[in-house]
Amino acid sequence: MAARRKNPQIENVLMRLPSSIRCTACSTVMAKDTKLNSRKEEALGEEFWEVWKDHTFRFCFSCTHCLAEIVIRTDPQYSHLTVEAGAFEIL
């Protein structure tokens, strides 16, 4: 019998980084298109408009070097992913 999930709104996904980021804890650079296992969860209470409220997600994953948590959130208003915590985007 398969194990049940504790929270059905959180799922594990394989994602690629949309841009290069630098970890704030150890200054490690993670290049664009790096594959990472992450947790995908709904970003509740942060809706821009009623139309996009179902499409705002948060992706949580660990730094590849120091294992600090990094959080990226979808920004449907600009069709972009923004770094929320643990890193900053390198342009």
PDB file of N, CA and C in Angstrom:
ATOM      1  N   MET A   1       0.844  -1.180   0.000  1.00  0.00           N
ATOM      2  CA  MET A   1       0.000   0.000   0.000  1.00  0.00           C
ATOM      3  C   MET A   1       0.893   1.249   0.000  1.00  0.00           C
ATOM      4  N   ALA A   2       0.552   2.221  -0.793  1.00  0.00           N
ATOM      5  CA  ALA A   2       1.344   3.442  -0.906  1.00  0.00           C
ATOM      6  C   ALA A   2       1.131   4.340   0.308  1.00  0.00           C
ATOM      7  N   ALA A   3       2.202   5.028   0.698  1.00  0.00           N
ATOM      8  CA  ALA A   3       2.115   5.950   1.827  1.00  0.00           C
ATOM      9  C   ALA A   3       1.359   7.206   1.405  1.00  0.00           C
ATOM     10  N   ARG A   4       0.560   7.718   2.305  1.00  0.00           N
ATOM     11  CA  ARG A   4      -0.194   8.941   2.010  1.00  0.00           C
ATOM     12  C   ARG A   4       0.639  10.158   2.375  1.00  0.00           C
ATOM     13  N   ARG A   5       0.405  11.217   1.645  1.00  0.00           N
ATOM     14  CA  ARG A   5       1.104  12.469   1.925  1.00  0.00           C
ATOM     15  C   ARG A   5       0.464  13.160   3.115  1.00  0.00           C
ATOM     16  N   LYS A   6       1.285  13.849   3.884  1.00  0.00           N
ATOM     17  CA  LYS A   6       0.763  14.582   5.033  1.00  0.00           C
ATOM     18  C   LYS A   6      -0.028  15.804   4.595  1.00  0.00           C
ATOM     19  N   ASN A   7       0.481  16.506   3.584  1.00  0.00           N
ATOM     20  CA  ASN A   7      -0.176  17.711   3.089  1.00  0.00           C
ATOM     21  C   ASN A   7      -0.339  17.572   1.573  1.00  0.00           C
ATOM     22  N   PRO A   8      -1.550  17.390   1.078  1.00  0.00           N
ATOM     23  CA  PRO A   8      -1.732  17.178  -0.362  1.00  0.00           C
ATOM     24  C   PRO A   8      -1.414  18.405  -1.217  1.00  0.00           C
ATOM     25  N   GLN A   9      -1.272  19.594  -0.608  1.00  0.00           N
ATOM     26  CA  GLN A   9      -0.969  20.798  -1.376  1.00  0.00           C
ATOM     27  C   GLN A   9       0.525  20.937  -1.649  1.00  0.00           C
ATOM     28  N   ILE A  10       1.368  20.105  -1.024  1.00  0.00           N
ATOM     29  CA  ILE A  10       2.810  20.142  -1.236  1.00  0.00           C
ATOM     30  C   ILE A  10       3.203  18.903  -2.022  1.00  0.00           C
ATOM     31  N   GLU A  11       3.944  19.110  -3.114  1.00  0.00           N
ATOM     32  CA  GLU A  11       4.415  17.969  -3.892  1.00  0.00           C
ATOM     33  C   GLU A  11       5.882  18.170  -4.255  1.00  0.00           C
ATOM     34  N   ASN A  12       6.603  17.077  -4.390  1.00  0.00           N
ATOM     35  CA  ASN A  12       8.006  17.120  -4.781  1.00  0.00           C
ATOM     36  C   ASN A  12       8.095  17.112  -6.297  1.00  0.00           C
ATOM     37  N   VAL A  13       8.868  18.058  -6.847  1.00  0.00           N
ATOM     38  CA  VAL A  13       9.011  18.176  -8.295  1.00  0.00           C
ATOM     39  C   VAL A  13      10.484  18.355  -8.652  1.00  0.00           C
ATOM     40  N   LEU A  14      10.824  18.007  -9.877  1.00  0.00           N
ATOM     41  CA  LEU A  14      12.153  18.251 -10.415  1.00  0.00           C
ATOM     42  C   LEU A  14      12.056  19.516 -11.255  1.00  0.00           C
ATOM     43  N   MET A  15      12.876  20.516 -10.940  1.00  0.00           N
ATOM     44  CA  MET A  15      12.797  21.784 -11.665  1.00  0.00           C
ATOM     45  C   MET A  15      14.175  22.208 -12.143  1.00  0.00           C
ATOM     46  N   ARG A  16      14.189  23.125 -13.093  1.00  0.00           N
ATOM     47  CA  ARG A  16      15.422  23.749 -13.561  1.00  0.00           C
ATOM     48  C   ARG A  16      15.390  25.214 -13.140  1.00  0.00           C
ATOM     49  N   LEU A  17      16.542  25.730 -12.753  1.00  0.00           N
ATOM     50  CA  LEU A  17      16.603  27.134 -12.353  1.00  0.00           C
ATOM     51  C   LEU A  17      16.348  28.034 -13.560  1.00  0.00           C
ATOM     52  N   PRO A  18      15.498  29.041 -13.412  1.00  0.00           N
ATOM     53  CA  PRO A  18      15.188  29.928 -14.533  1.00  0.00           C
ATOM     54  C   PRO A  18      16.309  30.918 -14.843  1.00  0.00           C
ATOM     55  N   SER A  19      17.172  31.179 -13.860  1.00  0.00           N
ATOM     56  CA  SER A  19      18.310  32.075 -14.054  1.00  0.00           C
ATOM     57  C   SER A  19      19.380  31.706 -13.037  1.00  0.00           C
ATOM     58  N   SER A  20      20.562  32.250 -13.200  1.00  0.00           N
ATOM     59  CA  SER A  20      21.638  31.976 -12.254  1.00  0.00           C
ATOM     60  C   SER A  20      21.363  32.696 -10.943  1.00  0.00           C
ATOM     61  N   ILE A  21      21.633  32.018  -9.826  1.00  0.00           N
ATOM     62  CA  ILE A  21      21.432  32.618  -8.508  1.00  0.00           C
ATOM     63  C   ILE A  21      22.669  32.384  -7.650  1.00  0.00           C
ATOM     64  N   ARG A  22      22.830  33.233  -6.620  1.00  0.00           N
ATOM     65  CA  ARG A  22      23.943  33.106  -5.681  1.00  0.00           C
ATOM     66  C   ARG A  22      23.375  32.933  -4.277  1.00  0.00           C
ATOM     67  N   CYS A  23      23.815  31.900  -3.589  1.00  0.00           N
ATOM     68  CA  CYS A  23      23.369  31.625  -2.222  1.00  0.00           C
ATOM     69  C   CYS A  23      23.888  32.721  -1.295  1.00  0.00           C
ATOM     70  N   THR A  24      23.041  33.215  -0.394  1.00  0.00           N
ATOM     71  CA  THR A  24      23.471  34.259   0.532  1.00  0.00           C
ATOM     72  C   THR A  24      24.288  33.700   1.691  1.00  0.00           C
ATOM     73  N   ALA A  25      24.176  32.413   1.979  1.00  0.00           N
ATOM     74  CA  ALA A  25      24.903  31.819   3.101  1.00  0.00           C
ATOM     75  C   ALA A  25      26.357  31.510   2.752  1.00  0.00           C
ATOM     76  N   CYS A  26      26.595  30.943   1.563  1.00  0.00           N
ATOM     77  CA  CYS A  26      27.955  30.505   1.227  1.00  0.00           C
ATOM     78  C   CYS A  26      28.489  31.120  -0.068  1.00  0.00           C
ATOM     79  N   SER A  27      27.724  31.944  -0.736  1.00  0.00           N
ATOM     80  CA  SER A  27      28.098  32.628  -1.985  1.00  0.00           C
ATOM     81  C   SER A  27      28.345  31.686  -3.155  1.00  0.00           C
ATOM     82  N   THR A  28      27.808  30.484  -3.104  1.00  0.00           N
ATOM     83  CA  THR A  28      27.923  29.551  -4.218  1.00  0.00           C
ATOM     84  C   THR A  28      26.992  29.991  -5.343  1.00  0.00           C
ATOM     85  N   VAL A  29      27.500  29.966  -6.570  1.00  0.00           N
ATOM     86  CA  VAL A  29      26.694  30.315  -7.735  1.00  0.00           C
ATOM     87  C   VAL A  29      26.106  29.036  -8.314  1.00  0.00           C
ATOM     88  N   MET A  30      24.788  29.042  -8.504  1.00  0.00           N
ATOM     89  CA  MET A  30      24.107  27.931  -9.164  1.00  0.00           C
ATOM     90  C   MET A  30      23.672  28.433 -10.537  1.00  0.00           C
ATOM     91  N   ALA A  31      24.154  27.785 -11.572  1.00  0.00           N
ATOM     92  CA  ALA A  31      23.947  28.245 -12.944  1.00  0.00           C
ATOM     93  C   ALA A  31      22.516  28.018 -13.414  1.00  0.00           C
ATOM     94  N   LYS A  32      22.135  28.791 -14.406  1.00  0.00           N
ATOM     95  CA  LYS A  32      20.829  28.630 -15.047  1.00  0.00           C
ATOM     96  C   LYS A  32      20.707  27.207 -15.587  1.00  0.00           C
ATOM     97  N   ASP A  33      19.505  26.648 -15.540  1.00  0.00           N
ATOM     98  CA  ASP A  33      19.175  25.300 -16.018  1.00  0.00           C
ATOM     99  C   ASP A  33      19.751  24.178 -15.161  1.00  0.00           C
ATOM    100  N   THR A  34      20.184  24.480 -13.932  1.00  0.00           N
ATOM    101  CA  THR A  34      20.608  23.428 -13.014  1.00  0.00           C
ATOM    102  C   THR A  34      19.373  22.677 -12.542  1.00  0.00           C
ATOM    103  N   LYS A  35      19.404  21.342 -12.607  1.00  0.00           N
ATOM    104  CA  LYS A  35      18.271  20.533 -12.160  1.00  0.00           C
ATOM    105  C   LYS A  35      18.313  20.391 -10.646  1.00  0.00           C
ATOM    106  N   LEU A  36      17.167  20.616 -10.006  1.00  0.00           N
ATOM    107  CA  LEU A  36      17.066  20.527  -8.549  1.00  0.00           C
ATOM    108  C   LEU A  36      15.764  19.843  -8.155  1.00  0.00           C
ATOM    109  N   ASN A  37      15.816  19.042  -7.109  1.00  0.00           N
ATOM    110  CA  ASN A  37      14.595  18.521  -6.500  1.00  0.00           C
ATOM    111  C   ASN A  37      14.057  19.605  -5.585  1.00  0.00           C
ATOM    112  N   SER A  38      12.778  19.897  -5.677  1.00  0.00           N
ATOM    113  CA  SER A  38      12.209  20.963  -4.858  1.00  0.00           C
ATOM    114  C   SER A  38      10.812  20.588  -4.394  1.00  0.00           C
ATOM    115  N   ARG A  39      10.347  21.333  -3.394  1.00  0.00           N
ATOM    116  CA  ARG A  39       8.976  21.190  -2.915  1.00  0.00           C
ATOM    117  C   ARG A  39       8.149  22.300  -3.551  1.00  0.00           C
ATOM    118  N   LYS A  40       7.045  21.929  -4.163  1.00  0.00           N
ATOM    119  CA  LYS A  40       6.136  22.901  -4.779  1.00  0.00           C
ATOM    120  C   LYS A  40       4.932  23.036  -3.863  1.00  0.00           C
ATOM    121  N   GLU A  41       4.659  24.265  -3.424  1.00  0.00           N
ATOM    122  CA  GLU A  41       3.513  24.502  -2.550  1.00  0.00           C
ATOM    123  C   GLU A  41       2.799  25.765  -2.990  1.00  0.00           C
ATOM    124  N   GLU A  42       1.537  25.861  -2.645  1.00  0.00           N
ATOM    125  CA  GLU A  42       0.763  27.045  -2.999  1.00  0.00           C
ATOM    126  C   GLU A  42       1.173  28.215  -2.117  1.00  0.00           C
ATOM    127  N   ALA A  43       1.296  29.397  -2.724  1.00  0.00           N
ATOM    128  CA  ALA A  43       1.601  30.617  -1.984  1.00  0.00           C
ATOM    129  C   ALA A  43       0.277  31.253  -1.590  1.00  0.00           C
ATOM    130  N   LEU A  44      -0.246  30.869  -0.460  1.00  0.00           N
ATOM    131  CA  LEU A  44      -1.556  31.346  -0.023  1.00  0.00           C
ATOM    132  C   LEU A  44      -1.469  32.773   0.492  1.00  0.00           C
ATOM    133  N   GLY A  45      -2.505  33.558   0.210  1.00  0.00           N
ATOM    134  CA  GLY A  45      -2.576  34.925   0.702  1.00  0.00           C
ATOM    135  C   GLY A  45      -1.746  35.911  -0.081  1.00  0.00           C
ATOM    136  N   GLU A  46      -1.189  35.500  -1.208  1.00  0.00           N
ATOM    137  CA  GLU A  46      -0.363  36.400  -2.004  1.00  0.00           C
ATOM    138  C   GLU A  46      -0.881  36.497  -3.431  1.00  0.00           C
ATOM    139  N   GLU A  47      -2.197  36.553  -3.586  1.00  0.00           N
ATOM    140  CA  GLU A  47      -2.785  36.626  -4.910  1.00  0.00           C
ATOM    141  C   GLU A  47      -2.674  38.048  -5.450  1.00  0.00           C
ATOM    142  N   PHE A  48      -2.381  38.164  -6.737  1.00  0.00           N
ATOM    143  CA  PHE A  48      -2.351  39.483  -7.359  1.00  0.00           C
ATOM    144  C   PHE A  48      -3.751  39.890  -7.777  1.00  0.00           C
ATOM    145  N   TRP A  49      -4.416  39.023  -8.501  1.00  0.00           N
ATOM    146  CA  TRP A  49      -5.795  39.227  -8.889  1.00  0.00           C
ATOM    147  C   TRP A  49      -6.509  37.905  -8.755  1.00  0.00           C
ATOM    148  N   GLU A  50      -7.812  37.914  -8.783  1.00  0.00           N
ATOM    149  CA  GLU A  50      -8.594  36.679  -8.670  1.00  0.00           C
ATOM    150  C   GLU A  50      -8.255  35.695  -9.784  1.00  0.00           C
ATOM    151  N   VAL A  51      -7.925  36.205 -10.962  1.00  0.00           N
ATOM    152  CA  VAL A  51      -7.655  35.338 -12.108  1.00  0.00           C
ATOM    153  C   VAL A  51      -6.434  34.459 -11.855  1.00  0.00           C
ATOM    154  N   TRP A  52      -5.402  35.007 -11.189  1.00  0.00           N
ATOM    155  CA  TRP A  52      -4.140  34.297 -11.040  1.00  0.00           C
ATOM    156  C   TRP A  52      -3.962  33.638  -9.684  1.00  0.00           C
ATOM    157  N   LYS A  53      -4.973  33.620  -8.856  1.00  0.00           N
ATOM    158  CA  LYS A  53      -4.761  33.119  -7.502  1.00  0.00           C
ATOM    159  C   LYS A  53      -4.418  31.637  -7.459  1.00  0.00           C
ATOM    160  N   ASP A  54      -4.833  30.866  -8.471  1.00  0.00           N
ATOM    161  CA  ASP A  54      -4.515  29.444  -8.499  1.00  0.00           C
ATOM    162  C   ASP A  54      -3.150  29.165  -9.105  1.00  0.00           C
ATOM    163  N   HIS A  55      -2.463  30.178  -9.614  1.00  0.00           N
ATOM    164  CA  HIS A  55      -1.206  29.970 -10.314  1.00  0.00           C
ATOM    165  C   HIS A  55      -0.015  30.572  -9.584  1.00  0.00           C
ATOM    166  N   THR A  56      -0.136  30.878  -8.311  1.00  0.00           N
ATOM    167  CA  THR A  56       0.977  31.406  -7.545  1.00  0.00           C
ATOM    168  C   THR A  56       1.535  30.286  -6.680  1.00  0.00           C
ATOM    169  N   PHE A  57       2.766  29.855  -7.004  1.00  0.00           N
ATOM    170  CA  PHE A  57       3.385  28.746  -6.294  1.00  0.00           C
ATOM    171  C   PHE A  57       4.718  29.167  -5.708  1.00  0.00           C
ATOM    172  N   ARG A  58       5.170  28.406  -4.738  1.00  0.00           N
ATOM    173  CA  ARG A  58       6.455  28.629  -4.090  1.00  0.00           C
ATOM    174  C   ARG A  58       7.267  27.338  -4.239  1.00  0.00           C
ATOM    175  N   PHE A  59       8.523  27.465  -4.660  1.00  0.00           N
ATOM    176  CA  PHE A  59       9.421  26.324  -4.802  1.00  0.00           C
ATOM    177  C   PHE A  59      10.534  26.452  -3.772  1.00  0.00           C
ATOM    178  N   CYS A  60      10.695  25.437  -2.927  1.00  0.00           N
ATOM    179  CA  CYS A  60      11.710  25.434  -1.878  1.00  0.00           C
ATOM    180  C   CYS A  60      12.719  24.337  -2.181  1.00  0.00           C
ATOM    181  N   PHE A  61      14.000  24.678  -2.139  1.00  0.00           N
ATOM    182  CA  PHE A  61      15.056  23.697  -2.381  1.00  0.00           C
ATOM    183  C   PHE A  61      16.291  24.104  -1.597  1.00  0.00           C
ATOM    184  N   SER A  62      17.283  23.233  -1.573  1.00  0.00           N
ATOM    185  CA  SER A  62      18.505  23.468  -0.808  1.00  0.00           C
ATOM    186  C   SER A  62      19.637  23.908  -1.726  1.00  0.00           C
ATOM    187  N   CYS A  63      20.552  24.690  -1.164  1.00  0.00           N
ATOM    188  CA  CYS A  63      21.768  25.073  -1.868  1.00  0.00           C
ATOM    189  C   CYS A  63      22.570  23.802  -2.146  1.00  0.00           C
ATOM    190  N   THR A  64      23.224  23.746  -3.288  1.00  0.00           N
ATOM    191  CA  THR A  64      23.980  22.552  -3.656  1.00  0.00           C
ATOM    192  C   THR A  64      25.260  22.397  -2.849  1.00  0.00           C
ATOM    193  N   HIS A  65      25.704  23.454  -2.167  1.00  0.00           N
ATOM    194  CA  HIS A  65      26.955  23.386  -1.413  1.00  0.00           C
ATOM    195  C   HIS A  65      26.742  23.339   0.093  1.00  0.00           C
ATOM    196  N   CYS A  66      25.935  24.258   0.634  1.00  0.00           N
ATOM    197  CA  CYS A  66      25.815  24.367   2.098  1.00  0.00           C
ATOM    198  C   CYS A  66      24.477  23.878   2.644  1.00  0.00           C
ATOM    199  N   LEU A  67      23.556  23.471   1.794  1.00  0.00           N
ATOM    200  CA  LEU A  67      22.236  22.959   2.172  1.00  0.00           C
ATOM    201  C   LEU A  67      21.329  23.995   2.839  1.00  0.00           C
ATOM    202  N   ALA A  68      21.611  25.292   2.653  1.00  0.00           N
ATOM    203  CA  ALA A  68      20.707  26.336   3.137  1.00  0.00           C
ATOM    204  C   ALA A  68      19.460  26.347   2.256  1.00  0.00           C
ATOM    205  N   GLU A  69      18.307  26.676   2.841  1.00  0.00           N
ATOM    206  CA  GLU A  69      17.063  26.665   2.072  1.00  0.00           C
ATOM    207  C   GLU A  69      16.934  27.929   1.227  1.00  0.00           C
ATOM    208  N   ILE A  70      16.539  27.736  -0.026  1.00  0.00           N
ATOM    209  CA  ILE A  70      16.305  28.825  -0.972  1.00  0.00           C
ATOM    210  C   ILE A  70      14.861  28.721  -1.438  1.00  0.00           C
ATOM    211  N   VAL A  71      14.170  29.863  -1.499  1.00  0.00           N
ATOM    212  CA  VAL A  71      12.755  29.881  -1.858  1.00  0.00           C
ATOM    213  C   VAL A  71      12.561  30.772  -3.080  1.00  0.00           C
ATOM    214  N   ILE A  72      11.890  30.228  -4.099  1.00  0.00           N
ATOM    215  CA  ILE A  72      11.555  30.964  -5.320  1.00  0.00           C
ATOM    216  C   ILE A  72      10.038  30.940  -5.474  1.00  0.00           C
ATOM    217  N   ARG A  73       9.438  32.091  -5.836  1.00  0.00           N
ATOM    218  CA  ARG A  73       7.985  32.187  -5.986  1.00  0.00           C
ATOM    219  C   ARG A  73       7.646  32.619  -7.406  1.00  0.00           C
ATOM    220  N   THR A  74       6.558  32.076  -7.942  1.00  0.00           N
ATOM    221  CA  THR A  74       6.112  32.495  -9.271  1.00  0.00           C
ATOM    222  C   THR A  74       5.506  33.890  -9.179  1.00  0.00           C
ATOM    223  N   ASP A  75       5.725  34.681 -10.201  1.00  0.00           N
ATOM    224  CA  ASP A  75       5.183  36.034 -10.274  1.00  0.00           C
ATOM    225  C   ASP A  75       4.345  36.120 -11.545  1.00  0.00           C
ATOM    226  N   PRO A  76       3.060  35.734 -11.483  1.00  0.00           N
ATOM    227  CA  PRO A  76       2.243  35.669 -12.692  1.00  0.00           C
ATOM    228  C   PRO A  76       1.978  37.019 -13.343  1.00  0.00           C
ATOM    229  N   GLN A  77       2.123  38.090 -12.595  1.00  0.00           N
ATOM    230  CA  GLN A  77       1.888  39.417 -13.162  1.00  0.00           C
ATOM    231  C   GLN A  77       2.917  39.716 -14.254  1.00  0.00           C
ATOM    232  N   TYR A  78       4.169  39.273 -14.046  1.00  0.00           N
ATOM    233  CA  TYR A  78       5.232  39.526 -15.014  1.00  0.00           C
ATOM    234  C   TYR A  78       5.724  38.251 -15.698  1.00  0.00           C
ATOM    235  N   SER A  79       5.055  37.117 -15.467  1.00  0.00           N
ATOM    236  CA  SER A  79       5.441  35.817 -16.039  1.00  0.00           C
ATOM    237  C   SER A  79       6.899  35.506 -15.736  1.00  0.00           C
ATOM    238  N   HIS A  80       7.251  35.569 -14.459  1.00  0.00           N
ATOM    239  CA  HIS A  80       8.636  35.423 -14.035  1.00  0.00           C
ATOM    240  C   HIS A  80       8.670  34.699 -12.697  1.00  0.00           C
ATOM    241  N   LEU A  81       9.812  34.143 -12.350  1.00  0.00           N
ATOM    242  CA  LEU A  81      10.032  33.583 -11.017  1.00  0.00           C
ATOM    243  C   LEU A  81      10.925  34.545 -10.247  1.00  0.00           C
ATOM    244  N   THR A  82      10.564  34.855  -9.003  1.00  0.00           N
ATOM    245  CA  THR A  82      11.356  35.762  -8.189  1.00  0.00           C
ATOM    246  C   THR A  82      11.915  35.020  -6.985  1.00  0.00           C
ATOM    247  N   VAL A  83      13.127  35.372  -6.591  1.00  0.00           N
ATOM    248  CA  VAL A  83      13.755  34.756  -5.425  1.00  0.00           C
ATOM    249  C   VAL A  83      13.204  35.443  -4.184  1.00  0.00           C
ATOM    250  N   GLU A  84      12.648  34.652  -3.272  1.00  0.00           N
ATOM    251  CA  GLU A  84      12.071  35.197  -2.045  1.00  0.00           C
ATOM    252  C   GLU A  84      13.068  35.225  -0.901  1.00  0.00           C
ATOM    253  N   ALA A  85      13.815  34.139  -0.718  1.00  0.00           N
ATOM    254  CA  ALA A  85      14.712  34.045   0.436  1.00  0.00           C
ATOM    255  C   ALA A  85      15.871  33.107   0.132  1.00  0.00           C
ATOM    256  N   GLY A  86      17.000  33.363   0.780  1.00  0.00           N
ATOM    257  CA  GLY A  86      18.135  32.461   0.727  1.00  0.00           C
ATOM    258  C   GLY A  86      19.112  32.678  -0.409  1.00  0.00           C
ATOM    259  N   ALA A  87      18.785  33.535  -1.358  1.00  0.00           N
ATOM    260  CA  ALA A  87      19.670  33.772  -2.503  1.00  0.00           C
ATOM    261  C   ALA A  87      19.285  35.081  -3.175  1.00  0.00           C
ATOM    262  N   PHE A  88      20.095  35.485  -4.145  1.00  0.00           N
ATOM    263  CA  PHE A  88      19.705  36.601  -4.993  1.00  0.00           C
ATOM    264  C   PHE A  88      20.058  36.264  -6.432  1.00  0.00           C
ATOM    265  N   GLU A  89      19.319  36.872  -7.336  1.00  0.00           N
ATOM    266  CA  GLU A  89      19.440  36.560  -8.757  1.00  0.00           C
ATOM    267  C   GLU A  89      20.624  37.297  -9.368  1.00  0.00           C
ATOM    268  N   ILE A  90      21.373  36.600 -10.207  1.00  0.00           N
ATOM    269  CA  ILE A  90      22.488  37.200 -10.931  1.00  0.00           C
ATOM    270  C   ILE A  90      21.994  37.523 -12.334  1.00  0.00           C
ATOM    271  N   LEU A  91      22.079  38.775 -12.712  1.00  0.00           N
ATOM    272  CA  LEU A  91      21.592  39.181 -14.041  1.00  0.00           C
ATOM    273  C   LEU A  91      22.676  39.148 -15.074  1.00  0.00           C
TER     274      LEU A  91
END
